[in-house]
């Protein structure tokens, strides 16, 4: 799979979690997908800087992305 195909799969997975974040006034932006399978994202809106942002990334974003795209090794929130 090419890097572009990988990014498309990750973006599609992020689109599945986006409605949950938007219900709380937030969103998620895909920043980078590394060759090692790390996905770097930035939470936006009310989710940016929220005390629960780490939990949101691990328990929602990473869980769904890794379920949809098994090649992902981890998801990291970049402030």
PDB file of N, CA and C in Angstrom:
ATOM      1  N   UNK A   1       0.834  -1.165   0.000  1.00  0.00           N
ATOM      2  CA  UNK A   1       0.000   0.000   0.000  1.00  0.00           C
ATOM      3  C   UNK A   1       0.889   1.242   0.000  1.00  0.00           C
ATOM      4  N   UNK A   2       0.569   2.190  -0.854  1.00  0.00           N
ATOM      5  CA  UNK A   2       1.354   3.425  -0.918  1.00  0.00           C
ATOM      6  C   UNK A   2       1.004   4.314   0.270  1.00  0.00           C
ATOM      7  N   UNK A   3       1.847   5.296   0.524  1.00  0.00           N
ATOM      8  CA  UNK A   3       1.611   6.236   1.614  1.00  0.00           C
ATOM      9  C   UNK A   3       0.303   7.002   1.387  1.00  0.00           C
ATOM     10  N   UNK A   4       0.013   7.356   0.140  1.00  0.00           N
ATOM     11  CA  UNK A   4      -1.225   8.075  -0.158  1.00  0.00           C
ATOM     12  C   UNK A   4      -2.447   7.203   0.129  1.00  0.00           C
ATOM     13  N   UNK A   5      -2.381   5.931  -0.228  1.00  0.00           N
ATOM     14  CA  UNK A   5      -3.486   5.007   0.052  1.00  0.00           C
ATOM     15  C   UNK A   5      -3.673   4.842   1.561  1.00  0.00           C
ATOM     16  N   UNK A   6      -2.553   4.776   2.266  1.00  0.00           N
ATOM     17  CA  UNK A   6      -2.588   4.650   3.724  1.00  0.00           C
ATOM     18  C   UNK A   6      -3.269   5.866   4.341  1.00  0.00           C
ATOM     19  N   UNK A   7      -2.904   7.064   3.866  1.00  0.00           N
ATOM     20  CA  UNK A   7      -3.507   8.297   4.371  1.00  0.00           C
ATOM     21  C   UNK A   7      -5.011   8.328   4.115  1.00  0.00           C
ATOM     22  N   UNK A   8      -5.429   7.862   2.952  1.00  0.00           N
ATOM     23  CA  UNK A   8      -6.852   7.843   2.618  1.00  0.00           C
ATOM     24  C   UNK A   8      -7.600   6.917   3.577  1.00  0.00           C
ATOM     25  N   UNK A   9      -7.034   5.759   3.869  1.00  0.00           N
ATOM     26  CA  UNK A   9      -7.669   4.825   4.795  1.00  0.00           C
ATOM     27  C   UNK A   9      -7.765   5.426   6.200  1.00  0.00           C
ATOM     28  N   UNK A  10      -6.707   6.087   6.621  1.00  0.00           N
ATOM     29  CA  UNK A  10      -6.710   6.716   7.942  1.00  0.00           C
ATOM     30  C   UNK A  10      -7.742   7.847   7.975  1.00  0.00           C
ATOM     31  N   UNK A  11      -7.785   8.657   6.932  1.00  0.00           N
ATOM     32  CA  UNK A  11      -8.740   9.764   6.882  1.00  0.00           C
ATOM     33  C   UNK A  11     -10.175   9.236   6.919  1.00  0.00           C
ATOM     34  N   UNK A  12     -10.433   8.146   6.231  1.00  0.00           N
ATOM     35  CA  UNK A  12     -11.760   7.528   6.247  1.00  0.00           C
ATOM     36  C   UNK A  12     -12.118   7.069   7.658  1.00  0.00           C
ATOM     37  N   UNK A  13     -11.149   6.503   8.361  1.00  0.00           N
ATOM     38  CA  UNK A  13     -11.375   6.083   9.746  1.00  0.00           C
ATOM     39  C   UNK A  13     -11.636   7.288  10.640  1.00  0.00           C
ATOM     40  N   UNK A  14     -10.881   8.368  10.441  1.00  0.00           N
ATOM     41  CA  UNK A  14     -11.101   9.580  11.234  1.00  0.00           C
ATOM     42  C   UNK A  14     -12.487  10.166  10.977  1.00  0.00           C
ATOM     43  N   UNK A  15     -12.961  10.033   9.751  1.00  0.00           N
ATOM     44  CA  UNK A  15     -14.301  10.520   9.430  1.00  0.00           C
ATOM     45  C   UNK A  15     -15.368   9.792  10.246  1.00  0.00           C
ATOM     46  N   UNK A  16     -15.077   8.583  10.691  1.00  0.00           N
ATOM     47  CA  UNK A  16     -16.032   7.826  11.514  1.00  0.00           C
ATOM     48  C   UNK A  16     -16.084   8.340  12.953  1.00  0.00           C
ATOM     49  N   UNK A  17     -14.984   8.894  13.466  1.00  0.00           N
ATOM     50  CA  UNK A  17     -14.989   9.418  14.838  1.00  0.00           C
ATOM     51  C   UNK A  17     -15.365  10.892  14.887  1.00  0.00           C
ATOM     52  N   UNK A  18     -15.252  11.553  13.757  1.00  0.00           N
ATOM     53  CA  UNK A  18     -15.510  12.996  13.698  1.00  0.00           C
ATOM     54  C   UNK A  18     -16.881  13.397  14.252  1.00  0.00           C
ATOM     55  N   UNK A  19     -17.979  12.688  13.924  1.00  0.00           N
ATOM     56  CA  UNK A  19     -19.284  13.096  14.471  1.00  0.00           C
ATOM     57  C   UNK A  19     -19.329  13.087  16.004  1.00  0.00           C
ATOM     58  N   UNK A  20     -18.658  12.136  16.635  1.00  0.00           N
ATOM     59  CA  UNK A  20     -18.620  12.111  18.102  1.00  0.00           C
ATOM     60  C   UNK A  20     -17.903  13.327  18.660  1.00  0.00           C
ATOM     61  N   UNK A  21     -16.823  13.722  18.026  1.00  0.00           N
ATOM     62  CA  UNK A  21     -16.085  14.901  18.471  1.00  0.00           C
ATOM     63  C   UNK A  21     -16.880  16.174  18.209  1.00  0.00           C
ATOM     64  N   UNK A  22     -17.552  16.237  17.074  1.00  0.00           N
ATOM     65  CA  UNK A  22     -18.305  17.427  16.713  1.00  0.00           C
ATOM     66  C   UNK A  22     -19.498  17.645  17.634  1.00  0.00           C
ATOM     67  N   UNK A  23     -20.035  16.574  18.203  1.00  0.00           N
ATOM     68  CA  UNK A  23     -21.145  16.723  19.164  1.00  0.00           C
ATOM     69  C   UNK A  23     -20.718  17.539  20.377  1.00  0.00           C
ATOM     70  N   UNK A  24     -19.427  17.505  20.698  1.00  0.00           N
ATOM     71  CA  UNK A  24     -18.899  18.277  21.827  1.00  0.00           C
ATOM     72  C   UNK A  24     -18.189  19.546  21.376  1.00  0.00           C
ATOM     73  N   UNK A  25     -18.378  19.933  20.119  1.00  0.00           N
ATOM     74  CA  UNK A  25     -17.771  21.163  19.615  1.00  0.00           C
ATOM     75  C   UNK A  25     -16.326  21.006  19.198  1.00  0.00           C
ATOM     76  N   UNK A  26     -15.888  19.775  18.956  1.00  0.00           N
ATOM     77  CA  UNK A  26     -14.498  19.535  18.572  1.00  0.00           C
ATOM     78  C   UNK A  26     -14.375  18.939  17.191  1.00  0.00           C
ATOM     79  N   UNK A  27     -13.167  18.563  16.845  1.00  0.00           N
ATOM     80  CA  UNK A  27     -12.867  17.928  15.564  1.00  0.00           C
ATOM     81  C   UNK A  27     -11.464  17.351  15.652  1.00  0.00           C
ATOM     82  N   UNK A  28     -11.044  16.697  14.580  1.00  0.00           N
ATOM     83  CA  UNK A  28      -9.704  16.123  14.533  1.00  0.00           C
ATOM     84  C   UNK A  28      -9.125  16.377  13.148  1.00  0.00           C
ATOM     85  N   UNK A  29      -7.847  16.715  13.128  1.00  0.00           N
ATOM     86  CA  UNK A  29      -7.126  16.988  11.874  1.00  0.00           C
ATOM     87  C   UNK A  29      -5.996  15.987  11.734  1.00  0.00           C
ATOM     88  N   UNK A  30      -5.880  15.373  10.563  1.00  0.00           N
ATOM     89  CA  UNK A  30      -4.769  14.473  10.274  1.00  0.00           C
ATOM     90  C   UNK A  30      -3.559  15.315   9.878  1.00  0.00           C
ATOM     91  N   UNK A  31      -2.466  15.154  10.621  1.00  0.00           N
ATOM     92  CA  UNK A  31      -1.253  15.919  10.338  1.00  0.00           C
ATOM     93  C   UNK A  31      -0.246  15.123   9.531  1.00  0.00           C
ATOM     94  N   UNK A  32      -0.071  13.851   9.919  1.00  0.00           N
ATOM     95  CA  UNK A  32       0.992  13.054   9.284  1.00  0.00           C
ATOM     96  C   UNK A  32       0.758  11.571   9.514  1.00  0.00           C
ATOM     97  N   UNK A  33       1.189  10.783   8.562  1.00  0.00           N
ATOM     98  CA  UNK A  33       1.250   9.327   8.710  1.00  0.00           C
ATOM     99  C   UNK A  33       2.694   8.943   8.396  1.00  0.00           C
ATOM    100  N   UNK A  34       3.376   8.351   9.370  1.00  0.00           N
ATOM    101  CA  UNK A  34       4.785   8.016   9.168  1.00  0.00           C
ATOM    102  C   UNK A  34       4.914   6.648   8.514  1.00  0.00           C
ATOM    103  N   UNK A  35       6.107   6.366   8.003  1.00  0.00           N
ATOM    104  CA  UNK A  35       6.393   5.067   7.389  1.00  0.00           C
ATOM    105  C   UNK A  35       6.289   3.931   8.404  1.00  0.00           C
ATOM    106  N   UNK A  36       6.457   4.266   9.692  1.00  0.00           N
ATOM    107  CA  UNK A  36       6.379   3.257  10.750  1.00  0.00           C
ATOM    108  C   UNK A  36       4.935   2.964  11.148  1.00  0.00           C
ATOM    109  N   UNK A  37       3.980   3.694  10.573  1.00  0.00           N
ATOM    110  CA  UNK A  37       2.572   3.469  10.868  1.00  0.00           C
ATOM    111  C   UNK A  37       2.008   4.346  11.960  1.00  0.00           C
ATOM    112  N   UNK A  38       2.787   5.320  12.404  1.00  0.00           N
ATOM    113  CA  UNK A  38       2.281   6.254  13.417  1.00  0.00           C
ATOM    114  C   UNK A  38       1.413   7.310  12.740  1.00  0.00           C
ATOM    115  N   UNK A  39       0.291   7.591  13.349  1.00  0.00           N
ATOM    116  CA  UNK A  39      -0.622   8.613  12.850  1.00  0.00           C
ATOM    117  C   UNK A  39      -0.571   9.796  13.814  1.00  0.00           C
ATOM    118  N   UNK A  40      -0.278  10.977  13.287  1.00  0.00           N
ATOM    119  CA  UNK A  40      -0.223  12.176  14.110  1.00  0.00           C
ATOM    120  C   UNK A  40      -1.448  13.033  13.787  1.00  0.00           C
ATOM    121  N   UNK A  41      -2.186  13.373  14.851  1.00  0.00           N
ATOM    122  CA  UNK A  41      -3.403  14.156  14.692  1.00  0.00           C
ATOM    123  C   UNK A  41      -3.357  15.363  15.615  1.00  0.00           C
ATOM    124  N   UNK A  42      -4.252  16.299  15.371  1.00  0.00           N
ATOM    125  CA  UNK A  42      -4.424  17.446  16.262  1.00  0.00           C
ATOM    126  C   UNK A  42      -5.916  17.584  16.526  1.00  0.00           C
ATOM    127  N   UNK A  43      -6.274  17.575  17.807  1.00  0.00           N
ATOM    128  CA  UNK A  43      -7.655  17.835  18.168  1.00  0.00           C
ATOM    129  C   UNK A  43      -7.921  19.322  18.003  1.00  0.00           C
ATOM    130  N   UNK A  44      -9.151  19.657  17.620  1.00  0.00           N
ATOM    131  CA  UNK A  44      -9.504  21.046  17.347  1.00  0.00           C
ATOM    132  C   UNK A  44     -10.765  21.435  18.100  1.00  0.00           C
ATOM    133  N   UNK A  45     -11.078  22.713  18.074  1.00  0.00           N
ATOM    134  CA  UNK A  45     -12.294  23.213  18.714  1.00  0.00           C
ATOM    135  C   UNK A  45     -12.240  23.008  20.213  1.00  0.00           C
ATOM    136  N   UNK A  46     -13.368  22.615  20.789  1.00  0.00           N
ATOM    137  CA  UNK A  46     -13.439  22.414  22.233  1.00  0.00           C
ATOM    138  C   UNK A  46     -12.546  21.274  22.706  1.00  0.00           C
ATOM    139  N   UNK A  47     -12.169  20.364  21.812  1.00  0.00           N
ATOM    140  CA  UNK A  47     -11.304  19.240  22.198  1.00  0.00           C
ATOM    141  C   UNK A  47      -9.846  19.676  22.362  1.00  0.00           C
ATOM    142  N   UNK A  48      -9.462  20.766  21.692  1.00  0.00           N
ATOM    143  CA  UNK A  48      -8.078  21.234  21.766  1.00  0.00           C
ATOM    144  C   UNK A  48      -7.801  21.753  23.178  1.00  0.00           C
ATOM    145  N   UNK A  49      -6.821  21.184  23.827  1.00  0.00           N
ATOM    146  CA  UNK A  49      -6.433  21.631  25.155  1.00  0.00           C
ATOM    147  C   UNK A  49      -7.337  21.122  26.268  1.00  0.00           C
ATOM    148  N   UNK A  50      -8.323  20.341  25.943  1.00  0.00           N
ATOM    149  CA  UNK A  50      -9.229  19.781  26.947  1.00  0.00           C
ATOM    150  C   UNK A  50      -8.441  18.834  27.854  1.00  0.00           C
ATOM    151  N   UNK A  51      -8.735  18.837  29.150  1.00  0.00           N
ATOM    152  CA  UNK A  51      -8.034  17.930  30.058  1.00  0.00           C
ATOM    153  C   UNK A  51      -8.218  16.452  29.694  1.00  0.00           C
ATOM    154  N   UNK A  52      -9.280  16.150  28.969  1.00  0.00           N
ATOM    155  CA  UNK A  52      -9.550  14.769  28.579  1.00  0.00           C
ATOM    156  C   UNK A  52      -9.035  14.433  27.181  1.00  0.00           C
ATOM    157  N   UNK A  53      -8.283  15.337  26.563  1.00  0.00           N
ATOM    158  CA  UNK A  53      -7.846  15.120  25.179  1.00  0.00           C
ATOM    159  C   UNK A  53      -7.003  13.854  25.021  1.00  0.00           C
ATOM    160  N   UNK A  54      -6.146  13.546  25.979  1.00  0.00           N
ATOM    161  CA  UNK A  54      -5.335  12.332  25.896  1.00  0.00           C
ATOM    162  C   UNK A  54      -6.228  11.098  25.911  1.00  0.00           C
ATOM    163  N   UNK A  55      -7.223  11.112  26.780  1.00  0.00           N
ATOM    164  CA  UNK A  55      -8.151   9.982  26.841  1.00  0.00           C
ATOM    165  C   UNK A  55      -8.972   9.890  25.559  1.00  0.00           C
ATOM    166  N   UNK A  56      -9.363  11.028  25.010  1.00  0.00           N
ATOM    167  CA  UNK A  56     -10.142  11.041  23.775  1.00  0.00           C
ATOM    168  C   UNK A  56      -9.344  10.413  22.644  1.00  0.00           C
ATOM    169  N   UNK A  57      -8.079  10.778  22.539  1.00  0.00           N
ATOM    170  CA  UNK A  57      -7.242  10.226  21.469  1.00  0.00           C
ATOM    171  C   UNK A  57      -7.058   8.721  21.658  1.00  0.00           C
ATOM    172  N   UNK A  58      -6.751   8.287  22.861  1.00  0.00           N
ATOM    173  CA  UNK A  58      -6.490   6.859  23.105  1.00  0.00           C
ATOM    174  C   UNK A  58      -7.767   6.022  23.045  1.00  0.00           C
ATOM    175  N   UNK A  59      -8.812   6.473  23.719  1.00  0.00           N
ATOM    176  CA  UNK A  59     -10.014   5.652  23.865  1.00  0.00           C
ATOM    177  C   UNK A  59     -10.989   5.750  22.699  1.00  0.00           C
ATOM    178  N   UNK A  60     -10.902   6.795  21.918  1.00  0.00           N
ATOM    179  CA  UNK A  60     -11.824   6.924  20.787  1.00  0.00           C
ATOM    180  C   UNK A  60     -11.062   6.909  19.469  1.00  0.00           C
ATOM    181  N   UNK A  61     -10.235   7.912  19.261  1.00  0.00           N
ATOM    182  CA  UNK A  61      -9.576   8.075  17.962  1.00  0.00           C
ATOM    183  C   UNK A  61      -8.677   6.880  17.652  1.00  0.00           C
ATOM    184  N   UNK A  62      -7.752   6.552  18.541  1.00  0.00           N
ATOM    185  CA  UNK A  62      -6.822   5.447  18.272  1.00  0.00           C
ATOM    186  C   UNK A  62      -7.558   4.111  18.158  1.00  0.00           C
ATOM    187  N   UNK A  63      -8.525   3.884  19.020  1.00  0.00           N
ATOM    188  CA  UNK A  63      -9.259   2.617  18.984  1.00  0.00           C
ATOM    189  C   UNK A  63      -9.942   2.412  17.638  1.00  0.00           C
ATOM    190  N   UNK A  64     -10.633   3.432  17.148  1.00  0.00           N
ATOM    191  CA  UNK A  64     -11.352   3.305  15.875  1.00  0.00           C
ATOM    192  C   UNK A  64     -10.375   3.226  14.703  1.00  0.00           C
ATOM    193  N   UNK A  65      -9.355   4.073  14.695  1.00  0.00           N
ATOM    194  CA  UNK A  65      -8.400   4.083  13.581  1.00  0.00           C
ATOM    195  C   UNK A  65      -7.684   2.738  13.491  1.00  0.00           C
ATOM    196  N   UNK A  66      -7.243   2.198  14.617  1.00  0.00           N
ATOM    197  CA  UNK A  66      -6.529   0.903  14.582  1.00  0.00           C
ATOM    198  C   UNK A  66      -7.456  -0.243  14.217  1.00  0.00           C
ATOM    199  N   UNK A  67      -8.715  -0.117  14.574  1.00  0.00           N
ATOM    200  CA  UNK A  67      -9.697  -1.133  14.192  1.00  0.00           C
ATOM    201  C   UNK A  67      -9.928  -1.110  12.682  1.00  0.00           C
ATOM    202  N   UNK A  68     -10.015   0.082  12.112  1.00  0.00           N
ATOM    203  CA  UNK A  68     -10.280   0.240  10.683  1.00  0.00           C
ATOM    204  C   UNK A  68      -9.029   0.032   9.827  1.00  0.00           C
ATOM    205  N   UNK A  69      -7.867   0.418  10.374  1.00  0.00           N
ATOM    206  CA  UNK A  69      -6.606   0.333   9.632  1.00  0.00           C
ATOM    207  C   UNK A  69      -5.576  -0.376  10.524  1.00  0.00           C
ATOM    208  N   UNK A  70      -5.541  -1.704  10.479  1.00  0.00           N
ATOM    209  CA  UNK A  70      -4.660  -2.478  11.381  1.00  0.00           C
ATOM    210  C   UNK A  70      -3.173  -2.155  11.238  1.00  0.00           C
ATOM    211  N   UNK A  71      -2.785  -1.579  10.119  1.00  0.00           N
ATOM    212  CA  UNK A  71      -1.372  -1.243   9.905  1.00  0.00           C
ATOM    213  C   UNK A  71      -0.909  -0.088  10.789  1.00  0.00           C
ATOM    214  N   UNK A  72      -1.836   0.643  11.375  1.00  0.00           N
ATOM    215  CA  UNK A  72      -1.483   1.762  12.262  1.00  0.00           C
ATOM    216  C   UNK A  72      -0.883   1.209  13.553  1.00  0.00           C
ATOM    217  N   UNK A  73       0.274   1.744  13.926  1.00  0.00           N
ATOM    218  CA  UNK A  73       0.942   1.272  15.135  1.00  0.00           C
ATOM    219  C   UNK A  73       0.533   2.088  16.366  1.00  0.00           C
ATOM    220  N   UNK A  74       0.262   3.374  16.168  1.00  0.00           N
ATOM    221  CA  UNK A  74      -0.223   4.220  17.268  1.00  0.00           C
ATOM    222  C   UNK A  74      -0.730   5.533  16.711  1.00  0.00           C
ATOM    223  N   UNK A  75      -1.513   6.210  17.535  1.00  0.00           N
ATOM    224  CA  UNK A  75      -2.035   7.531  17.180  1.00  0.00           C
ATOM    225  C   UNK A  75      -1.548   8.501  18.237  1.00  0.00           C
ATOM    226  N   UNK A  76      -0.948   9.593  17.786  1.00  0.00           N
ATOM    227  CA  UNK A  76      -0.384  10.580  18.696  1.00  0.00           C
ATOM    228  C   UNK A  76      -1.054  11.927  18.464  1.00  0.00           C
ATOM    229  N   UNK A  77      -1.447  12.582  19.569  1.00  0.00           N
ATOM    230  CA  UNK A  77      -2.008  13.929  19.494  1.00  0.00           C
ATOM    231  C   UNK A  77      -0.867  14.937  19.557  1.00  0.00           C
ATOM    232  N   UNK A  78      -0.810  15.804  18.572  1.00  0.00           N
ATOM    233  CA  UNK A  78       0.208  16.849  18.518  1.00  0.00           C
ATOM    234  C   UNK A  78      -0.484  18.176  18.847  1.00  0.00           C
ATOM    235  N   UNK A  79      -0.147  18.769  19.998  1.00  0.00           N
ATOM    236  CA  UNK A  79      -0.818  20.036  20.382  1.00  0.00           C
ATOM    237  C   UNK A  79      -0.471  21.193  19.469  1.00  0.00           C
TER     238      UNK A  79
END
